[in-house]
Structure formats: structure tokens, C-alpha cells
């Protein structure tokens, strides 16, 4: 198996330290001054990982340009659009399938058809608009960080990235819960639910060789909860059950996407890593 270059791992460590430190400091500042975290910060804050990666690229000498480390090469329009469509449709299918058991066996009620039709009509333009925000996260997590951990193999690397992604959201969701912006239960389940979503998005990047399909999938403007009409009446058990079902399906989706793809995406990447690991 390909080994990750020590310089790449050092860059990954610096990136993680800076990203977690920055979001923690910002959220602590909001709490310290008693200012409610505004909605615009949740959107703009997604660019923090991208900005941190730019800083790290200035501090740590890494071969290749920004297109490589952000994994921006789409591989042609057909691959770009096809990969984006597969990722988006697969994610929506996971959310829909997750809701079925809690609707059939529990107190959850599905959204009316009229609401779902409205979402479907606005789906593509909404994804394109939200992609302006999710791009900042994906090029940081599934772009830069995933590139630095390529030699770890998919599951080890993606689990690490997903774990850091969860940790990145803990200060934000915790601060918002303290301020009463979101419910503690929603904060907990949504934070935990990021781990399997991170596995899925990493698998999307590996499968299609580009960060772009993950950008589009991350921009899907709904979750399993959005497909339920009486969310406020659901108990904690139902929330956690829905989170668990979604996690299983997302992990299964990740496994299907990366089946047989746990090696470097191309020979050039393998050769670069071998050359970097060779003694001097």
C-alpha cells in the first residue's frame, strides 16, 4: 500500500490544528461578547477550511499547485455532471429511505406531496446557489486534507477526515445551542450525523476523482428531517433512530462507491508518493 509522505502528514496536522483552533476561537468570541451567531456566519464560515488550507500551502512546501491539492480537476463535463448527479441523487435516496421506517413504525409523518414538489422544482438552482458556500468546506476537507492522507487507504483516511469534520462543528453547534438558536437534541444528532456524511462525501471524491461532485452533494438543501412534517413532536428516541438509520445507509453508500477503489486513483499519484518516500 502507498505510504503517505511525512510532509503531507505534517501539512495535514497543521491544517487540522489551525482549522479547529480558528473555529473554536471565533465561537468563543461570540459567546464572550454575548453576540448571537448570525445565520450569515454559518454560510460564510464554510470558507474557513479553504482559507486555512491556503495558509498551510504557504507554510508547508508541497509539490503541485492549488488544482491538485484542492482536487479541482473535474475530468471533463460528462464526468463532472454525471458524478454530481449520482452523488446528489444517491444522497436524496438515502434520506428518503431513512424516513420510511420511522414513518411506518413510529409517530413521524411525511411531508405532503405539494411541499416535496416545490423542493424538487427548486432543487437544481438551490444546489447551485449553496455550492458557492459548500465549495469552501469541500476543498478544505475532501480536497486538501483528503489529498494529504491519500496513502492511508480510504477507510482510515475518510474516518479521520470525518472525525475532524465533526470536531470542527462541535464549537459552532455547541455555541448555537447555548444561545438557543438550535435545540440541544438537534445540535447533537446533526453533529454526530456528520460523520457518516463525511464518509459518503469522501467516497464521492475518490469515485469520481474530483471534489466537485461532493460540493454539489453537500449543497443538497435538505436532510432526512426535512422530509418529516411533525419534527417538533418527535421524541429523542425517534431522532436518534433516524440518525442511526441514515448513518448505516450513508456508510453503505460509501462502501459501494469505493468498491475496488481503495488504491491511488492513478499511477502518477503512486509514483509521486514512492519518489517522496525514497531515501535521499
C-alpha atoms as a PDB file:
ATOM      1  CA  UNK A   1       0.000   0.000   0.000  1.00  0.00           C
ATOM      2  CA  UNK A   2       1.161   3.506  -0.748  1.00  0.00           C
ATOM      3  CA  UNK A   3       2.589   5.364   2.234  1.00  0.00           C
ATOM      4  CA  UNK A   4       1.772   8.982   2.879  1.00  0.00           C
ATOM      5  CA  UNK A   5       4.698  11.402   2.626  1.00  0.00           C
ATOM      6  CA  UNK A   6       5.767  12.786   6.010  1.00  0.00           C
ATOM      7  CA  UNK A   7       5.482  16.310   4.644  1.00  0.00           C
ATOM      8  CA  UNK A   8       1.874  15.614   3.632  1.00  0.00           C
ATOM      9  CA  UNK A   9       1.070  14.334   7.129  1.00  0.00           C
ATOM     10  CA  UNK A  10       2.710  17.387   8.683  1.00  0.00           C
ATOM     11  CA  UNK A  11       0.618  19.618   6.424  1.00  0.00           C
ATOM     12  CA  UNK A  12      -2.487  17.688   7.483  1.00  0.00           C
ATOM     13  CA  UNK A  13      -1.670  18.185  11.169  1.00  0.00           C
ATOM     14  CA  UNK A  14      -1.075  21.904  10.727  1.00  0.00           C
ATOM     15  CA  UNK A  15      -4.314  22.222   8.759  1.00  0.00           C
ATOM     16  CA  UNK A  16      -6.359  20.411  11.403  1.00  0.00           C
ATOM     17  CA  UNK A  17      -4.799  22.398  14.247  1.00  0.00           C
ATOM     18  CA  UNK A  18      -5.405  25.745  12.532  1.00  0.00           C
ATOM     19  CA  UNK A  19      -8.951  24.898  11.430  1.00  0.00           C
ATOM     20  CA  UNK A  20     -10.097  23.628  14.834  1.00  0.00           C
ATOM     21  CA  UNK A  21      -8.316  26.446  16.613  1.00  0.00           C
ATOM     22  CA  UNK A  22      -9.858  29.112  14.382  1.00  0.00           C
ATOM     23  CA  UNK A  23     -13.476  27.912  14.688  1.00  0.00           C
ATOM     24  CA  UNK A  24     -13.108  27.450  18.451  1.00  0.00           C
ATOM     25  CA  UNK A  25     -11.690  30.949  18.888  1.00  0.00           C
ATOM     26  CA  UNK A  26     -14.408  32.537  16.743  1.00  0.00           C
ATOM     27  CA  UNK A  27     -17.267  30.771  18.553  1.00  0.00           C
ATOM     28  CA  UNK A  28     -15.710  31.556  21.941  1.00  0.00           C
ATOM     29  CA  UNK A  29     -15.535  35.217  20.931  1.00  0.00           C
ATOM     30  CA  UNK A  30     -19.249  35.275  20.069  1.00  0.00           C
ATOM     31  CA  UNK A  31     -20.082  33.738  23.449  1.00  0.00           C
ATOM     32  CA  UNK A  32     -17.711  36.054  25.317  1.00  0.00           C
ATOM     33  CA  UNK A  33     -19.294  39.228  23.953  1.00  0.00           C
ATOM     34  CA  UNK A  34     -22.825  37.844  24.205  1.00  0.00           C
ATOM     35  CA  UNK A  35     -23.481  38.178  20.472  1.00  0.00           C
ATOM     36  CA  UNK A  36     -25.735  35.650  18.777  1.00  0.00           C
ATOM     37  CA  UNK A  37     -24.008  33.806  15.968  1.00  0.00           C
ATOM     38  CA  UNK A  38     -25.701  35.177  12.826  1.00  0.00           C
ATOM     39  CA  UNK A  39     -27.012  32.975  10.041  1.00  0.00           C
ATOM     40  CA  UNK A  40     -24.641  34.556   7.552  1.00  0.00           C
ATOM     41  CA  UNK A  41     -21.656  33.306   9.561  1.00  0.00           C
ATOM     42  CA  UNK A  42     -22.867  29.709   9.245  1.00  0.00           C
ATOM     43  CA  UNK A  43     -22.784  30.174   5.466  1.00  0.00           C
ATOM     44  CA  UNK A  44     -19.611  32.256   5.177  1.00  0.00           C
ATOM     45  CA  UNK A  45     -17.853  30.170   7.834  1.00  0.00           C
ATOM     46  CA  UNK A  46     -17.786  27.235   5.441  1.00  0.00           C
ATOM     47  CA  UNK A  47     -14.960  29.021   3.659  1.00  0.00           C
ATOM     48  CA  UNK A  48     -12.759  28.818   6.749  1.00  0.00           C
ATOM     49  CA  UNK A  49     -11.263  25.395   5.781  1.00  0.00           C
ATOM     50  CA  UNK A  50     -10.397  26.703   2.314  1.00  0.00           C
ATOM     51  CA  UNK A  51      -8.675  29.766   3.778  1.00  0.00           C
ATOM     52  CA  UNK A  52      -6.775  27.640   6.284  1.00  0.00           C
ATOM     53  CA  UNK A  53      -5.589  25.331   3.500  1.00  0.00           C
ATOM     54  CA  UNK A  54      -4.215  28.342   1.626  1.00  0.00           C
ATOM     55  CA  UNK A  55      -2.262  29.356   4.714  1.00  0.00           C
ATOM     56  CA  UNK A  56      -0.893  25.835   5.127  1.00  0.00           C
ATOM     57  CA  UNK A  57       0.169  25.722   1.483  1.00  0.00           C
ATOM     58  CA  UNK A  58       2.221  28.847   2.162  1.00  0.00           C
ATOM     59  CA  UNK A  59       3.793  27.381   5.294  1.00  0.00           C
ATOM     60  CA  UNK A  60       4.491  23.841   4.115  1.00  0.00           C
ATOM     61  CA  UNK A  61       6.238  23.212   0.814  1.00  0.00           C
ATOM     62  CA  UNK A  62       4.095  20.758  -1.160  1.00  0.00           C
ATOM     63  CA  UNK A  63       4.603  19.791  -4.811  1.00  0.00           C
ATOM     64  CA  UNK A  64       1.900  20.732  -7.276  1.00  0.00           C
ATOM     65  CA  UNK A  65      -0.498  23.628  -7.497  1.00  0.00           C
ATOM     66  CA  UNK A  66      -3.828  24.519  -5.978  1.00  0.00           C
ATOM     67  CA  UNK A  67      -5.770  22.450  -8.517  1.00  0.00           C
ATOM     68  CA  UNK A  68      -4.062  19.328  -7.225  1.00  0.00           C
ATOM     69  CA  UNK A  69      -4.393  19.955  -3.508  1.00  0.00           C
ATOM     70  CA  UNK A  70      -7.987  21.148  -3.780  1.00  0.00           C
ATOM     71  CA  UNK A  71      -8.693  18.249  -6.194  1.00  0.00           C
ATOM     72  CA  UNK A  72     -10.377  20.611  -8.641  1.00  0.00           C
ATOM     73  CA  UNK A  73      -9.809  18.746 -11.909  1.00  0.00           C
ATOM     74  CA  UNK A  74     -13.326  17.697 -12.995  1.00  0.00           C
ATOM     75  CA  UNK A  75     -12.216  15.169 -15.617  1.00  0.00           C
ATOM     76  CA  UNK A  76     -14.445  16.642 -18.308  1.00  0.00           C
ATOM     77  CA  UNK A  77     -18.031  17.874 -18.362  1.00  0.00           C
ATOM     78  CA  UNK A  78     -19.509  14.407 -18.680  1.00  0.00           C
ATOM     79  CA  UNK A  79     -17.703  13.148 -15.597  1.00  0.00           C
ATOM     80  CA  UNK A  80     -18.399  16.370 -13.707  1.00  0.00           C
ATOM     81  CA  UNK A  81     -22.152  16.425 -14.372  1.00  0.00           C
ATOM     82  CA  UNK A  82     -22.557  12.666 -14.156  1.00  0.00           C
ATOM     83  CA  UNK A  83     -20.675  12.438 -10.880  1.00  0.00           C
ATOM     84  CA  UNK A  84     -22.605  15.355  -9.436  1.00  0.00           C
ATOM     85  CA  UNK A  85     -25.934  13.833 -10.462  1.00  0.00           C
ATOM     86  CA  UNK A  86     -25.049  10.434  -8.989  1.00  0.00           C
ATOM     87  CA  UNK A  87     -23.880  11.977  -5.710  1.00  0.00           C
ATOM     88  CA  UNK A  88     -26.932  14.208  -5.341  1.00  0.00           C
ATOM     89  CA  UNK A  89     -29.460  11.510  -6.247  1.00  0.00           C
ATOM     90  CA  UNK A  90     -27.761   8.944  -4.012  1.00  0.00           C
ATOM     91  CA  UNK A  91     -27.853  11.334  -1.053  1.00  0.00           C
ATOM     92  CA  UNK A  92     -31.520  12.157  -1.601  1.00  0.00           C
ATOM     93  CA  UNK A  93     -32.294   8.437  -1.890  1.00  0.00           C
ATOM     94  CA  UNK A  94     -30.545   7.800   1.435  1.00  0.00           C
ATOM     95  CA  UNK A  95     -32.620  10.471   3.154  1.00  0.00           C
ATOM     96  CA  UNK A  96     -35.859   9.165   1.657  1.00  0.00           C
ATOM     97  CA  UNK A  97     -35.089   5.561   2.638  1.00  0.00           C
ATOM     98  CA  UNK A  98     -34.106   6.672   6.146  1.00  0.00           C
ATOM     99  CA  UNK A  99     -37.510   8.208   6.727  1.00  0.00           C
ATOM    100  CA  UNK A 100     -39.529   5.161   5.638  1.00  0.00           C
ATOM    101  CA  UNK A 101     -39.004   3.071   8.821  1.00  0.00           C
ATOM    102  CA  UNK A 102     -39.779   5.906  11.250  1.00  0.00           C
ATOM    103  CA  UNK A 103     -42.889   6.795   9.246  1.00  0.00           C
ATOM    104  CA  UNK A 104     -44.062   3.182   9.051  1.00  0.00           C
ATOM    105  CA  UNK A 105     -43.276   2.233  12.654  1.00  0.00           C
ATOM    106  CA  UNK A 106     -43.242   5.482  14.569  1.00  0.00           C
ATOM    107  CA  UNK A 107     -45.018   8.803  15.079  1.00  0.00           C
ATOM    108  CA  UNK A 108     -43.303  10.565  12.170  1.00  0.00           C
ATOM    109  CA  UNK A 109     -45.451  11.921   9.367  1.00  0.00           C
ATOM    110  CA  UNK A 110     -44.104  12.581   5.851  1.00  0.00           C
ATOM    111  CA  UNK A 111     -44.181  15.962   4.197  1.00  0.00           C
ATOM    112  CA  UNK A 112     -47.188  16.488   1.892  1.00  0.00           C
ATOM    113  CA  UNK A 113     -46.648  15.914  -1.790  1.00  0.00           C
ATOM    114  CA  UNK A 114     -47.071  19.612  -2.595  1.00  0.00           C
ATOM    115  CA  UNK A 115     -44.109  20.515  -0.396  1.00  0.00           C
ATOM    116  CA  UNK A 116     -41.937  17.835  -1.986  1.00  0.00           C
ATOM    117  CA  UNK A 117     -42.853  19.012  -5.487  1.00  0.00           C
ATOM    118  CA  UNK A 118     -41.819  22.549  -4.570  1.00  0.00           C
ATOM    119  CA  UNK A 119     -38.478  21.287  -3.293  1.00  0.00           C
ATOM    120  CA  UNK A 120     -37.951  19.261  -6.471  1.00  0.00           C
ATOM    121  CA  UNK A 121     -38.648  22.281  -8.688  1.00  0.00           C
ATOM    122  CA  UNK A 122     -36.127  24.437  -6.834  1.00  0.00           C
ATOM    123  CA  UNK A 123     -33.596  21.669  -6.267  1.00  0.00           C
ATOM    124  CA  UNK A 124     -31.095  22.425  -9.039  1.00  0.00           C
ATOM    125  CA  UNK A 125     -30.954  26.236  -8.650  1.00  0.00           C
ATOM    126  CA  UNK A 126     -30.751  25.855  -4.858  1.00  0.00           C
ATOM    127  CA  UNK A 127     -27.869  23.392  -5.125  1.00  0.00           C
ATOM    128  CA  UNK A 128     -26.003  25.720  -7.467  1.00  0.00           C
ATOM    129  CA  UNK A 129     -26.509  28.642  -5.082  1.00  0.00           C
ATOM    130  CA  UNK A 130     -25.491  26.677  -1.977  1.00  0.00           C
ATOM    131  CA  UNK A 131     -22.449  25.317  -3.817  1.00  0.00           C
ATOM    132  CA  UNK A 132     -20.871  28.750  -3.520  1.00  0.00           C
ATOM    133  CA  UNK A 133     -20.740  28.055   0.217  1.00  0.00           C
ATOM    134  CA  UNK A 134     -20.083  24.304   0.342  1.00  0.00           C
ATOM    135  CA  UNK A 135     -17.162  24.724  -2.058  1.00  0.00           C
ATOM    136  CA  UNK A 136     -15.213  26.346   0.769  1.00  0.00           C
ATOM    137  CA  UNK A 137     -15.660  23.321   3.017  1.00  0.00           C
ATOM    138  CA  UNK A 138     -15.169  20.598   0.454  1.00  0.00           C
ATOM    139  CA  UNK A 139     -11.903  21.916  -0.983  1.00  0.00           C
ATOM    140  CA  UNK A 140     -10.596  22.025   2.574  1.00  0.00           C
ATOM    141  CA  UNK A 141     -11.813  18.699   3.965  1.00  0.00           C
ATOM    142  CA  UNK A 142     -12.353  16.401   0.987  1.00  0.00           C
ATOM    143  CA  UNK A 143      -9.888  18.315  -1.164  1.00  0.00           C
ATOM    144  CA  UNK A 144      -6.779  19.397   0.729  1.00  0.00           C
ATOM    145  CA  UNK A 145      -6.985  17.133   3.790  1.00  0.00           C
ATOM    146  CA  UNK A 146      -8.017  14.076   1.787  1.00  0.00           C
ATOM    147  CA  UNK A 147      -5.147  14.656  -0.653  1.00  0.00           C
ATOM    148  CA  UNK A 148      -2.610  14.799   2.177  1.00  0.00           C
ATOM    149  CA  UNK A 149      -3.874  11.475   3.579  1.00  0.00           C
ATOM    150  CA  UNK A 150      -4.140   9.602   0.276  1.00  0.00           C
ATOM    151  CA  UNK A 151      -1.686   6.899   1.298  1.00  0.00           C
ATOM    152  CA  UNK A 152      -3.697   5.899   4.363  1.00  0.00           C
ATOM    153  CA  UNK A 153      -6.294   3.993   2.354  1.00  0.00           C
ATOM    154  CA  UNK A 154      -9.899   5.073   2.040  1.00  0.00           C
ATOM    155  CA  UNK A 155     -11.441   3.981   5.334  1.00  0.00           C
ATOM    156  CA  UNK A 156      -8.650   5.174   7.594  1.00  0.00           C
ATOM    157  CA  UNK A 157      -8.328   8.498   5.809  1.00  0.00           C
ATOM    158  CA  UNK A 158     -12.050   9.150   5.430  1.00  0.00           C
ATOM    159  CA  UNK A 159     -12.770   8.219   9.067  1.00  0.00           C
ATOM    160  CA  UNK A 160     -10.049  10.638  10.186  1.00  0.00           C
ATOM    161  CA  UNK A 161     -11.399  13.409   7.985  1.00  0.00           C
ATOM    162  CA  UNK A 162     -14.978  12.758   9.099  1.00  0.00           C
ATOM    163  CA  UNK A 163     -13.909  12.790  12.745  1.00  0.00           C
ATOM    164  CA  UNK A 164     -12.122  16.107  12.342  1.00  0.00           C
ATOM    165  CA  UNK A 165     -15.151  17.458  10.456  1.00  0.00           C
ATOM    166  CA  UNK A 166     -17.355  16.537  13.402  1.00  0.00           C
ATOM    167  CA  UNK A 167     -14.908  18.180  15.815  1.00  0.00           C
ATOM    168  CA  UNK A 168     -14.926  21.323  13.656  1.00  0.00           C
ATOM    169  CA  UNK A 169     -18.706  21.624  14.091  1.00  0.00           C
ATOM    170  CA  UNK A 170     -18.759  20.974  17.852  1.00  0.00           C
ATOM    171  CA  UNK A 171     -17.873  24.576  18.838  1.00  0.00           C
ATOM    172  CA  UNK A 172     -20.349  26.030  16.339  1.00  0.00           C
ATOM    173  CA  UNK A 173     -23.285  23.767  17.153  1.00  0.00           C
ATOM    174  CA  UNK A 174     -22.492  23.948  20.868  1.00  0.00           C
ATOM    175  CA  UNK A 175     -22.417  27.743  20.841  1.00  0.00           C
ATOM    176  CA  UNK A 176     -25.666  27.906  18.872  1.00  0.00           C
ATOM    177  CA  UNK A 177     -27.325  25.525  21.336  1.00  0.00           C
ATOM    178  CA  UNK A 178     -26.098  27.599  24.298  1.00  0.00           C
ATOM    179  CA  UNK A 179     -27.532  30.704  22.660  1.00  0.00           C
ATOM    180  CA  UNK A 180     -30.822  28.936  21.970  1.00  0.00           C
ATOM    181  CA  UNK A 181     -30.540  29.196  18.188  1.00  0.00           C
ATOM    182  CA  UNK A 182     -30.948  25.439  17.822  1.00  0.00           C
ATOM    183  CA  UNK A 183     -32.251  22.748  20.155  1.00  0.00           C
ATOM    184  CA  UNK A 184     -29.669  20.671  22.027  1.00  0.00           C
ATOM    185  CA  UNK A 185     -31.093  17.449  20.614  1.00  0.00           C
ATOM    186  CA  UNK A 186     -30.866  18.727  17.040  1.00  0.00           C
ATOM    187  CA  UNK A 187     -27.367  20.017  17.721  1.00  0.00           C
ATOM    188  CA  UNK A 188     -26.275  16.594  18.999  1.00  0.00           C
ATOM    189  CA  UNK A 189     -27.875  14.462  16.295  1.00  0.00           C
ATOM    190  CA  UNK A 190     -26.830  16.751  13.448  1.00  0.00           C
ATOM    191  CA  UNK A 191     -23.240  16.854  14.712  1.00  0.00           C
ATOM    192  CA  UNK A 192     -22.999  13.075  15.092  1.00  0.00           C
ATOM    193  CA  UNK A 193     -24.677  12.645  11.696  1.00  0.00           C
ATOM    194  CA  UNK A 194     -21.828  14.491  10.018  1.00  0.00           C
ATOM    195  CA  UNK A 195     -19.504  11.511  10.498  1.00  0.00           C
ATOM    196  CA  UNK A 196     -21.252   9.117   8.073  1.00  0.00           C
ATOM    197  CA  UNK A 197     -21.955  12.008   5.715  1.00  0.00           C
ATOM    198  CA  UNK A 198     -18.227  12.708   5.706  1.00  0.00           C
ATOM    199  CA  UNK A 199     -17.524   9.087   4.755  1.00  0.00           C
ATOM    200  CA  UNK A 200     -20.009   9.360   1.904  1.00  0.00           C
ATOM    201  CA  UNK A 201     -18.568  12.634   0.587  1.00  0.00           C
ATOM    202  CA  UNK A 202     -15.017  11.273   0.742  1.00  0.00           C
ATOM    203  CA  UNK A 203     -16.183   8.245  -1.235  1.00  0.00           C
ATOM    204  CA  UNK A 204     -17.741  10.529  -3.834  1.00  0.00           C
ATOM    205  CA  UNK A 205     -14.420  12.347  -4.296  1.00  0.00           C
ATOM    206  CA  UNK A 206     -12.498   9.088  -4.634  1.00  0.00           C
ATOM    207  CA  UNK A 207     -15.031   7.542  -7.009  1.00  0.00           C
ATOM    208  CA  UNK A 208     -15.171  10.494  -9.404  1.00  0.00           C
ATOM    209  CA  UNK A 209     -11.634  11.799  -8.959  1.00  0.00           C
ATOM    210  CA  UNK A 210     -12.703  15.338  -8.163  1.00  0.00           C
ATOM    211  CA  UNK A 211     -14.074  17.416  -5.316  1.00  0.00           C
ATOM    212  CA  UNK A 212     -16.851  18.916  -7.458  1.00  0.00           C
ATOM    213  CA  UNK A 213     -19.460  16.117  -7.076  1.00  0.00           C
ATOM    214  CA  UNK A 214     -19.000  16.345  -3.298  1.00  0.00           C
ATOM    215  CA  UNK A 215     -19.541  20.108  -3.476  1.00  0.00           C
ATOM    216  CA  UNK A 216     -22.887  19.551  -5.200  1.00  0.00           C
ATOM    217  CA  UNK A 217     -23.949  16.727  -2.868  1.00  0.00           C
ATOM    218  CA  UNK A 218     -23.067  18.777   0.204  1.00  0.00           C
ATOM    219  CA  UNK A 219     -25.242  21.565  -1.199  1.00  0.00           C
ATOM    220  CA  UNK A 220     -28.399  19.410  -1.255  1.00  0.00           C
ATOM    221  CA  UNK A 221     -30.845  21.701   0.618  1.00  0.00           C
ATOM    222  CA  UNK A 222     -32.470  19.043   2.820  1.00  0.00           C
ATOM    223  CA  UNK A 223     -31.885  16.185   5.208  1.00  0.00           C
ATOM    224  CA  UNK A 224     -33.988  13.285   6.440  1.00  0.00           C
ATOM    225  CA  UNK A 225     -35.627  15.586   8.998  1.00  0.00           C
ATOM    226  CA  UNK A 226     -36.824  17.900   6.242  1.00  0.00           C
ATOM    227  CA  UNK A 227     -38.901  15.035   4.827  1.00  0.00           C
ATOM    228  CA  UNK A 228     -40.905  14.823   8.062  1.00  0.00           C
ATOM    229  CA  UNK A 229     -43.734  17.267   8.743  1.00  0.00           C
ATOM    230  CA  UNK A 230     -44.022  16.890  12.535  1.00  0.00           C
ATOM    231  CA  UNK A 231     -40.378  17.116  13.586  1.00  0.00           C
ATOM    232  CA  UNK A 232     -41.192  19.188  16.690  1.00  0.00           C
ATOM    233  CA  UNK A 233     -43.376  16.378  18.037  1.00  0.00           C
ATOM    234  CA  UNK A 234     -40.767  13.640  17.719  1.00  0.00           C
ATOM    235  CA  UNK A 235     -39.062  12.257  20.790  1.00  0.00           C
ATOM    236  CA  UNK A 236     -35.346  11.871  21.329  1.00  0.00           C
ATOM    237  CA  UNK A 237     -35.535   8.156  20.550  1.00  0.00           C
ATOM    238  CA  UNK A 238     -37.001   8.798  17.120  1.00  0.00           C
ATOM    239  CA  UNK A 239     -34.374  11.429  16.360  1.00  0.00           C
ATOM    240  CA  UNK A 240     -31.550   9.073  17.279  1.00  0.00           C
ATOM    241  CA  UNK A 241     -33.157   6.178  15.406  1.00  0.00           C
ATOM    242  CA  UNK A 242     -33.368   8.331  12.278  1.00  0.00           C
ATOM    243  CA  UNK A 243     -29.739   9.386  12.736  1.00  0.00           C
ATOM    244  CA  UNK A 244     -28.663   5.739  13.093  1.00  0.00           C
ATOM    245  CA  UNK A 245     -30.593   4.577  10.023  1.00  0.00           C
ATOM    246  CA  UNK A 246     -29.184   7.413   7.940  1.00  0.00           C
ATOM    247  CA  UNK A 247     -25.673   6.612   9.174  1.00  0.00           C
ATOM    248  CA  UNK A 248     -25.962   2.967   8.132  1.00  0.00           C
ATOM    249  CA  UNK A 249     -27.233   3.883   4.670  1.00  0.00           C
ATOM    250  CA  UNK A 250     -24.588   6.568   4.130  1.00  0.00           C
ATOM    251  CA  UNK A 251     -21.829   4.184   5.148  1.00  0.00           C
ATOM    252  CA  UNK A 252     -23.228   1.518   2.837  1.00  0.00           C
ATOM    253  CA  UNK A 253     -23.348   4.077   0.034  1.00  0.00           C
ATOM    254  CA  UNK A 254     -19.720   4.991   0.688  1.00  0.00           C
ATOM    255  CA  UNK A 255     -18.733   1.327   0.540  1.00  0.00           C
ATOM    256  CA  UNK A 256     -20.500   0.862  -2.787  1.00  0.00           C
ATOM    257  CA  UNK A 257     -18.831   3.929  -4.274  1.00  0.00           C
ATOM    258  CA  UNK A 258     -15.309   2.911  -3.305  1.00  0.00           C
ATOM    259  CA  UNK A 259     -15.640  -0.810  -4.011  1.00  0.00           C
ATOM    260  CA  UNK A 260     -12.358  -1.800  -5.596  1.00  0.00           C
ATOM    261  CA  UNK A 261     -11.075   1.789  -5.416  1.00  0.00           C
ATOM    262  CA  UNK A 262      -9.025   1.696  -2.205  1.00  0.00           C
ATOM    263  CA  UNK A 263      -5.807   2.254  -4.165  1.00  0.00           C
ATOM    264  CA  UNK A 264      -4.435   5.568  -5.547  1.00  0.00           C
ATOM    265  CA  UNK A 265      -6.636   6.971  -8.295  1.00  0.00           C
ATOM    266  CA  UNK A 266      -3.843   6.999 -10.848  1.00  0.00           C
ATOM    267  CA  UNK A 267      -0.320   5.798 -11.408  1.00  0.00           C
ATOM    268  CA  UNK A 268       1.065   9.323 -11.260  1.00  0.00           C
ATOM    269  CA  UNK A 269      -0.083   9.718  -7.660  1.00  0.00           C
ATOM    270  CA  UNK A 270       1.530   6.392  -6.732  1.00  0.00           C
ATOM    271  CA  UNK A 271       4.789   7.292  -8.449  1.00  0.00           C
ATOM    272  CA  UNK A 272       4.876  10.697  -6.747  1.00  0.00           C
ATOM    273  CA  UNK A 273       4.362   9.101  -3.354  1.00  0.00           C
ATOM    274  CA  UNK A 274       7.020   6.446  -3.978  1.00  0.00           C
ATOM    275  CA  UNK A 275       9.513   9.088  -5.051  1.00  0.00           C
ATOM    276  CA  UNK A 276       8.698  11.193  -1.977  1.00  0.00           C
ATOM    277  CA  UNK A 277       9.212   8.216   0.356  1.00  0.00           C
ATOM    278  CA  UNK A 278      12.502   7.141  -1.261  1.00  0.00           C
ATOM    279  CA  UNK A 279      15.582   7.743   0.928  1.00  0.00           C
ATOM    280  CA  UNK A 280      17.804  10.625  -0.052  1.00  0.00           C
END
